[in-house]
PDB file of all heavy atoms in Angstrom:
ATOM      1  N   ARG A   1      29.130 -18.661 -25.505  1.00  0.00           N
ATOM      2  CA  ARG A   1      29.082 -19.262 -24.168  1.00  0.00           C
ATOM      3  C   ARG A   1      27.735 -19.934 -23.906  1.00  0.00           C
ATOM      4  O   ARG A   1      27.667 -21.028 -23.340  1.00  0.00           O
ATOM      5  CB  ARG A   1      29.332 -18.185 -23.121  1.00  0.00           C
ATOM      6  CG  ARG A   1      30.696 -17.539 -23.189  1.00  0.00           C
ATOM      7  CD  ARG A   1      31.741 -18.393 -22.535  1.00  0.00           C
ATOM      8  NE  ARG A   1      33.014 -17.706 -22.469  1.00  0.00           N
ATOM      9  CZ  ARG A   1      34.036 -18.090 -21.712  1.00  0.00           C
ATOM     10  NH1 ARG A   1      33.910 -19.163 -20.954  1.00  0.00           N
ATOM     11  NH2 ARG A   1      35.162 -17.431 -21.731  1.00  0.00           N
ATOM     12  N   ILE A   2      26.674 -19.262 -24.302  1.00  0.00           N
ATOM     13  CA  ILE A   2      25.333 -19.838 -24.111  1.00  0.00           C
ATOM     14  C   ILE A   2      25.219 -21.158 -24.863  1.00  0.00           C
ATOM     15  O   ILE A   2      24.687 -22.149 -24.346  1.00  0.00           O
ATOM     16  CB  ILE A   2      24.261 -18.830 -24.583  1.00  0.00           C
ATOM     17  CG1 ILE A   2      24.186 -17.650 -23.603  1.00  0.00           C
ATOM     18  CG2 ILE A   2      22.895 -19.508 -24.712  1.00  0.00           C
ATOM     19  CD1 ILE A   2      23.392 -16.470 -24.129  1.00  0.00           C
ATOM     20  N   ALA A   3      25.730 -21.181 -26.096  1.00  0.00           N
ATOM     21  CA  ALA A   3      25.635 -22.390 -26.910  1.00  0.00           C
ATOM     22  C   ALA A   3      26.438 -23.536 -26.311  1.00  0.00           C
ATOM     23  O   ALA A   3      26.046 -24.703 -26.418  1.00  0.00           O
ATOM     24  CB  ALA A   3      26.114 -22.099 -28.333  1.00  0.00           C
ATOM     25  N   GLN A   4      27.569 -23.224 -25.682  1.00  0.00           N
ATOM     26  CA  GLN A   4      28.443 -24.253 -25.144  1.00  0.00           C
ATOM     27  C   GLN A   4      27.989 -24.799 -23.799  1.00  0.00           C
ATOM     28  O   GLN A   4      28.412 -25.888 -23.392  1.00  0.00           O
ATOM     29  CB  GLN A   4      29.871 -23.700 -25.003  1.00  0.00           C
ATOM     30  CG  GLN A   4      30.556 -23.400 -26.320  1.00  0.00           C
ATOM     31  CD  GLN A   4      30.790 -24.638 -27.146  1.00  0.00           C
ATOM     32  OE1 GLN A   4      31.371 -25.605 -26.670  1.00  0.00           O
ATOM     33  NE2 GLN A   4      30.325 -24.627 -28.381  1.00  0.00           N
ATOM     34  N   ASP A   5      27.140 -24.071 -23.094  1.00  0.00           N
ATOM     35  CA  ASP A   5      26.763 -24.411 -21.714  1.00  0.00           C
ATOM     36  C   ASP A   5      25.620 -25.419 -21.713  1.00  0.00           C
ATOM     37  O   ASP A   5      24.464 -25.080 -21.980  1.00  0.00           O
ATOM     38  CB  ASP A   5      26.358 -23.137 -20.974  1.00  0.00           C
ATOM     39  CG  ASP A   5      26.097 -23.355 -19.490  1.00  0.00           C
ATOM     40  OD1 ASP A   5      26.033 -24.531 -19.063  1.00  0.00           O
ATOM     41  OD2 ASP A   5      25.954 -22.351 -18.768  1.00  0.00           O
ATOM     42  N   ARG A   6      25.930 -26.666 -21.368  1.00  0.00           N
ATOM     43  CA  ARG A   6      24.914 -27.713 -21.379  1.00  0.00           C
ATOM     44  C   ARG A   6      23.969 -27.608 -20.190  1.00  0.00           C
ATOM     45  O   ARG A   6      23.009 -28.382 -20.091  1.00  0.00           O
ATOM     46  CB  ARG A   6      25.569 -29.083 -21.447  1.00  0.00           C
ATOM     47  CG  ARG A   6      26.312 -29.322 -22.757  1.00  0.00           C
ATOM     48  CD  ARG A   6      26.863 -30.744 -22.839  1.00  0.00           C
ATOM     49  NE  ARG A   6      25.824 -31.710 -23.120  1.00  0.00           N
ATOM     50  CZ  ARG A   6      25.445 -32.095 -24.333  1.00  0.00           C
ATOM     51  NH1 ARG A   6      26.015 -31.552 -25.414  1.00  0.00           N
ATOM     52  NH2 ARG A   6      24.505 -33.011 -24.504  1.00  0.00           N
ATOM     53  N   GLY A   7      24.201 -26.653 -19.318  1.00  0.00           N
ATOM     54  CA  GLY A   7      23.240 -26.382 -18.258  1.00  0.00           C
ATOM     55  C   GLY A   7      22.013 -25.623 -18.744  1.00  0.00           C
ATOM     56  O   GLY A   7      21.016 -25.525 -18.024  1.00  0.00           O
ATOM     57  N   ASN A   8      22.078 -25.096 -19.971  1.00  0.00           N
ATOM     58  CA  ASN A   8      20.940 -24.389 -20.556  1.00  0.00           C
ATOM     59  C   ASN A   8      20.041 -25.386 -21.277  1.00  0.00           C
ATOM     60  O   ASN A   8      20.468 -26.024 -22.237  1.00  0.00           O
ATOM     61  CB  ASN A   8      21.419 -23.309 -21.530  1.00  0.00           C
ATOM     62  CG  ASN A   8      22.252 -22.236 -20.850  1.00  0.00           C
ATOM     63  OD1 ASN A   8      21.985 -21.869 -19.708  1.00  0.00           O
ATOM     64  ND2 ASN A   8      23.268 -21.727 -21.540  1.00  0.00           N
ATOM     65  N   SER A   9      18.818 -25.504 -20.819  1.00  0.00           N
ATOM     66  CA  SER A   9      17.885 -26.464 -21.427  1.00  0.00           C
ATOM     67  C   SER A   9      16.974 -25.821 -22.461  1.00  0.00           C
ATOM     68  O   SER A   9      16.544 -26.481 -23.418  1.00  0.00           O
ATOM     69  CB  SER A   9      17.038 -27.121 -20.341  1.00  0.00           C
ATOM     70  OG  SER A   9      16.327 -26.149 -19.599  1.00  0.00           O
ATOM     71  N   ILE A  10      16.661 -24.545 -22.280  1.00  0.00           N
ATOM     72  CA  ILE A  10      15.869 -23.734 -23.217  1.00  0.00           C
ATOM     73  C   ILE A  10      16.463 -22.328 -23.137  1.00  0.00           C
ATOM     74  O   ILE A  10      16.913 -21.898 -22.076  1.00  0.00           O
ATOM     75  CB  ILE A  10      14.376 -23.652 -22.811  1.00  0.00           C
ATOM     76  CG1 ILE A  10      13.752 -25.031 -22.584  1.00  0.00           C
ATOM     77  CG2 ILE A  10      13.578 -22.834 -23.826  1.00  0.00           C
ATOM     78  CD1 ILE A  10      13.353 -25.777 -23.826  1.00  0.00           C
ATOM     79  N   VAL A  11      16.436 -21.581 -24.238  1.00  0.00           N
ATOM     80  CA  VAL A  11      16.893 -20.191 -24.226  1.00  0.00           C
ATOM     81  C   VAL A  11      15.747 -19.290 -24.665  1.00  0.00           C
ATOM     82  O   VAL A  11      15.109 -19.552 -25.693  1.00  0.00           O
ATOM     83  CB  VAL A  11      18.119 -19.990 -25.135  1.00  0.00           C
ATOM     84  CG1 VAL A  11      18.480 -18.503 -25.239  1.00  0.00           C
ATOM     85  CG2 VAL A  11      19.313 -20.786 -24.611  1.00  0.00           C
ATOM     86  N   ILE A  12      15.488 -18.248 -23.876  1.00  0.00           N
ATOM     87  CA  ILE A  12      14.503 -17.229 -24.220  1.00  0.00           C
ATOM     88  C   ILE A  12      15.245 -15.921 -24.447  1.00  0.00           C
ATOM     89  O   ILE A  12      16.005 -15.469 -23.578  1.00  0.00           O
ATOM     90  CB  ILE A  12      13.448 -17.051 -23.107  1.00  0.00           C
ATOM     91  CG1 ILE A  12      12.660 -18.355 -22.895  1.00  0.00           C
ATOM     92  CG2 ILE A  12      12.496 -15.902 -23.450  1.00  0.00           C
ATOM     93  CD1 ILE A  12      11.712 -18.308 -21.706  1.00  0.00           C
ATOM     94  N   LEU A  13      15.041 -15.301 -25.604  1.00  0.00           N
ATOM     95  CA  LEU A  13      15.603 -13.987 -25.914  1.00  0.00           C
ATOM     96  C   LEU A  13      14.520 -12.938 -25.759  1.00  0.00           C
ATOM     97  O   LEU A  13      13.418 -13.080 -26.298  1.00  0.00           O
ATOM     98  CB  LEU A  13      16.124 -13.946 -27.357  1.00  0.00           C
ATOM     99  CG  LEU A  13      17.192 -14.952 -27.756  1.00  0.00           C
ATOM    100  CD1 LEU A  13      17.512 -14.811 -29.246  1.00  0.00           C
ATOM    101  CD2 LEU A  13      18.452 -14.757 -26.931  1.00  0.00           C
ATOM    102  N   THR A  14      14.814 -11.864 -25.022  1.00  0.00           N
ATOM    103  CA  THR A  14      13.830 -10.803 -24.833  1.00  0.00           C
ATOM    104  C   THR A  14      14.568  -9.488 -24.583  1.00  0.00           C
ATOM    105  O   THR A  14      15.799  -9.440 -24.598  1.00  0.00           O
ATOM    106  CB  THR A  14      12.862 -11.155 -23.683  1.00  0.00           C
ATOM    107  OG1 THR A  14      11.741 -10.281 -23.718  1.00  0.00           O
ATOM    108  CG2 THR A  14      13.541 -11.093 -22.323  1.00  0.00           C
ATOM    109  N   GLY A  15      13.806  -8.413 -24.393  1.00  0.00           N
ATOM    110  CA  GLY A  15      14.404  -7.111 -24.149  1.00  0.00           C
ATOM    111  C   GLY A  15      13.816  -6.459 -22.915  1.00  0.00           C
ATOM    112  O   GLY A  15      12.712  -6.796 -22.491  1.00  0.00           O
ATOM    113  N   ALA A  16      14.551  -5.532 -22.352  1.00  0.00           N
ATOM    114  CA  ALA A  16      14.121  -4.843 -21.140  1.00  0.00           C
ATOM    115  C   ALA A  16      13.304  -3.598 -21.478  1.00  0.00           C
ATOM    116  O   ALA A  16      13.356  -3.076 -22.595  1.00  0.00           O
ATOM    117  CB  ALA A  16      15.336  -4.440 -20.304  1.00  0.00           C
ATOM    118  N   GLY A  17      12.539  -3.144 -20.494  1.00  0.00           N
ATOM    119  CA  GLY A  17      11.830  -1.876 -20.614  1.00  0.00           C
ATOM    120  C   GLY A  17      10.752  -1.847 -21.669  1.00  0.00           C
ATOM    121  O   GLY A  17      10.446  -0.777 -22.224  1.00  0.00           O
ATOM    122  N   GLY A  18      10.169  -3.008 -21.974  1.00  0.00           N
ATOM    123  CA  GLY A  18       9.083  -3.048 -22.942  1.00  0.00           C
ATOM    124  C   GLY A  18       9.509  -2.907 -24.388  1.00  0.00           C
ATOM    125  O   GLY A  18       8.678  -2.643 -25.265  1.00  0.00           O
ATOM    126  N   GLN A  19      10.810  -3.115 -24.668  1.00  0.00           N
ATOM    127  CA  GLN A  19      11.325  -3.046 -26.034  1.00  0.00           C
ATOM    128  C   GLN A  19      12.216  -4.254 -26.281  1.00  0.00           C
ATOM    129  O   GLN A  19      12.827  -4.778 -25.334  1.00  0.00           O
ATOM    130  CB  GLN A  19      12.149  -1.772 -26.255  1.00  0.00           C
ATOM    131  CG  GLN A  19      11.472  -0.486 -25.839  1.00  0.00           C
ATOM    132  CD  GLN A  19      10.320  -0.091 -26.741  1.00  0.00           C
ATOM    133  OE1 GLN A  19      10.331  -0.381 -27.930  1.00  0.00           O
ATOM    134  NE2 GLN A  19       9.325   0.590 -26.191  1.00  0.00           N
ATOM    135  N   PHE A  20      12.341  -4.668 -27.530  1.00  0.00           N
ATOM    136  CA  PHE A  20      13.307  -5.715 -27.858  1.00  0.00           C
ATOM    137  C   PHE A  20      14.660  -5.041 -28.087  1.00  0.00           C
ATOM    138  O   PHE A  20      15.496  -5.025 -27.207  1.00  0.00           O
ATOM    139  CB  PHE A  20      12.840  -6.534 -29.057  1.00  0.00           C
ATOM    140  CG  PHE A  20      13.715  -7.730 -29.337  1.00  0.00           C
ATOM    141  CD1 PHE A  20      13.733  -8.794 -28.456  1.00  0.00           C
ATOM    142  CD2 PHE A  20      14.517  -7.781 -30.465  1.00  0.00           C
ATOM    143  CE1 PHE A  20      14.556  -9.909 -28.688  1.00  0.00           C
ATOM    144  CE2 PHE A  20      15.324  -8.886 -30.716  1.00  0.00           C
ATOM    145  CZ  PHE A  20      15.345  -9.947 -29.828  1.00  0.00           C
ATOM    146  N   ILE A  21      14.880  -4.476 -29.257  1.00  0.00           N
ATOM    147  CA  ILE A  21      16.021  -3.572 -29.486  1.00  0.00           C
ATOM    148  C   ILE A  21      15.484  -2.414 -30.315  1.00  0.00           C
ATOM    149  O   ILE A  21      15.111  -2.599 -31.471  1.00  0.00           O
ATOM    150  CB  ILE A  21      17.189  -4.257 -30.218  1.00  0.00           C
ATOM    151  CG1 ILE A  21      17.636  -5.528 -29.488  1.00  0.00           C
ATOM    152  CG2 ILE A  21      18.364  -3.286 -30.338  1.00  0.00           C
ATOM    153  CD1 ILE A  21      18.741  -6.302 -30.215  1.00  0.00           C
ATOM    154  N   ALA A  22      15.459  -1.238 -29.716  1.00  0.00           N
ATOM    155  CA  ALA A  22      14.775  -0.109 -30.346  1.00  0.00           C
ATOM    156  C   ALA A  22      15.712   0.855 -31.048  1.00  0.00           C
ATOM    157  O   ALA A  22      15.307   1.548 -31.982  1.00  0.00           O
ATOM    158  CB  ALA A  22      13.957   0.653 -29.303  1.00  0.00           C
ATOM    159  N   GLY A  23      16.972   0.930 -30.605  1.00  0.00           N
ATOM    160  CA  GLY A  23      17.853   1.960 -31.152  1.00  0.00           C
ATOM    161  C   GLY A  23      19.287   1.495 -31.249  1.00  0.00           C
ATOM    162  O   GLY A  23      19.675   0.442 -30.722  1.00  0.00           O
ATOM    163  N   ILE A  24      20.083   2.290 -31.942  1.00  0.00           N
ATOM    164  CA  ILE A  24      21.496   1.963 -32.151  1.00  0.00           C
ATOM    165  C   ILE A  24      22.336   3.225 -32.009  1.00  0.00           C
ATOM    166  O   ILE A  24      21.907   4.322 -32.396  1.00  0.00           O
ATOM    167  CB  ILE A  24      21.699   1.316 -33.540  1.00  0.00           C
ATOM    168  CG1 ILE A  24      23.151   0.853 -33.733  1.00  0.00           C
ATOM    169  CG2 ILE A  24      21.248   2.233 -34.669  1.00  0.00           C
ATOM    170  CD1 ILE A  24      23.351  -0.036 -34.958  1.00  0.00           C
ATOM    171  N   ASP A  25      23.510   3.075 -31.439  1.00  0.00           N
ATOM    172  CA  ASP A  25      24.461   4.180 -31.278  1.00  0.00           C
ATOM    173  C   ASP A  25      25.493   4.068 -32.402  1.00  0.00           C
ATOM    174  O   ASP A  25      26.539   3.437 -32.241  1.00  0.00           O
ATOM    175  CB  ASP A  25      25.120   4.086 -29.900  1.00  0.00           C
ATOM    176  CG  ASP A  25      26.152   5.184 -29.647  1.00  0.00           C
ATOM    177  OD1 ASP A  25      26.334   6.042 -30.528  1.00  0.00           O
ATOM    178  OD2 ASP A  25      26.775   5.164 -28.568  1.00  0.00           O
ATOM    179  N   PHE A  26      25.200   4.681 -33.538  1.00  0.00           N
ATOM    180  CA  PHE A  26      26.096   4.565 -34.691  1.00  0.00           C
ATOM    181  C   PHE A  26      27.510   5.081 -34.412  1.00  0.00           C
ATOM    182  O   PHE A  26      28.493   4.444 -34.795  1.00  0.00           O
ATOM    183  CB  PHE A  26      25.507   5.302 -35.897  1.00  0.00           C
ATOM    184  CG  PHE A  26      24.433   4.541 -36.627  1.00  0.00           C
ATOM    185  CD1 PHE A  26      23.122   5.012 -36.658  1.00  0.00           C
ATOM    186  CD2 PHE A  26      24.721   3.369 -37.300  1.00  0.00           C
ATOM    187  CE1 PHE A  26      22.138   4.319 -37.329  1.00  0.00           C
ATOM    188  CE2 PHE A  26      23.738   2.664 -37.983  1.00  0.00           C
ATOM    189  CZ  PHE A  26      22.443   3.142 -37.998  1.00  0.00           C
ATOM    190  N   PRO A  27      27.662   6.263 -33.747  1.00  0.00           N
ATOM    191  CA  PRO A  27      29.024   6.775 -33.541  1.00  0.00           C
ATOM    192  C   PRO A  27      29.925   5.837 -32.749  1.00  0.00           C
ATOM    193  O   PRO A  27      31.154   5.895 -32.896  1.00  0.00           O
ATOM    194  CB  PRO A  27      28.778   8.091 -32.786  1.00  0.00           C
ATOM    195  CG  PRO A  27      27.416   8.527 -33.201  1.00  0.00           C
ATOM    196  CD  PRO A  27      26.647   7.252 -33.335  1.00  0.00           C
ATOM    197  N   SER A  28      29.339   4.962 -31.934  1.00  0.00           N
ATOM    198  CA  SER A  28      30.170   4.063 -31.132  1.00  0.00           C
ATOM    199  C   SER A  28      30.998   3.120 -31.992  1.00  0.00           C
ATOM    200  O   SER A  28      32.013   2.578 -31.528  1.00  0.00           O
ATOM    201  CB  SER A  28      29.301   3.262 -30.155  1.00  0.00           C
ATOM    202  OG  SER A  28      28.509   2.296 -30.830  1.00  0.00           O
TER     203      SER A  28
END
């Protein structure tokens, strides 16, 4: 959806709480 939306002029990827991606829930 982000790629298709021409209203997006720049994309910034970041994470909340002072982390980017810190952990994973393997059982899920």
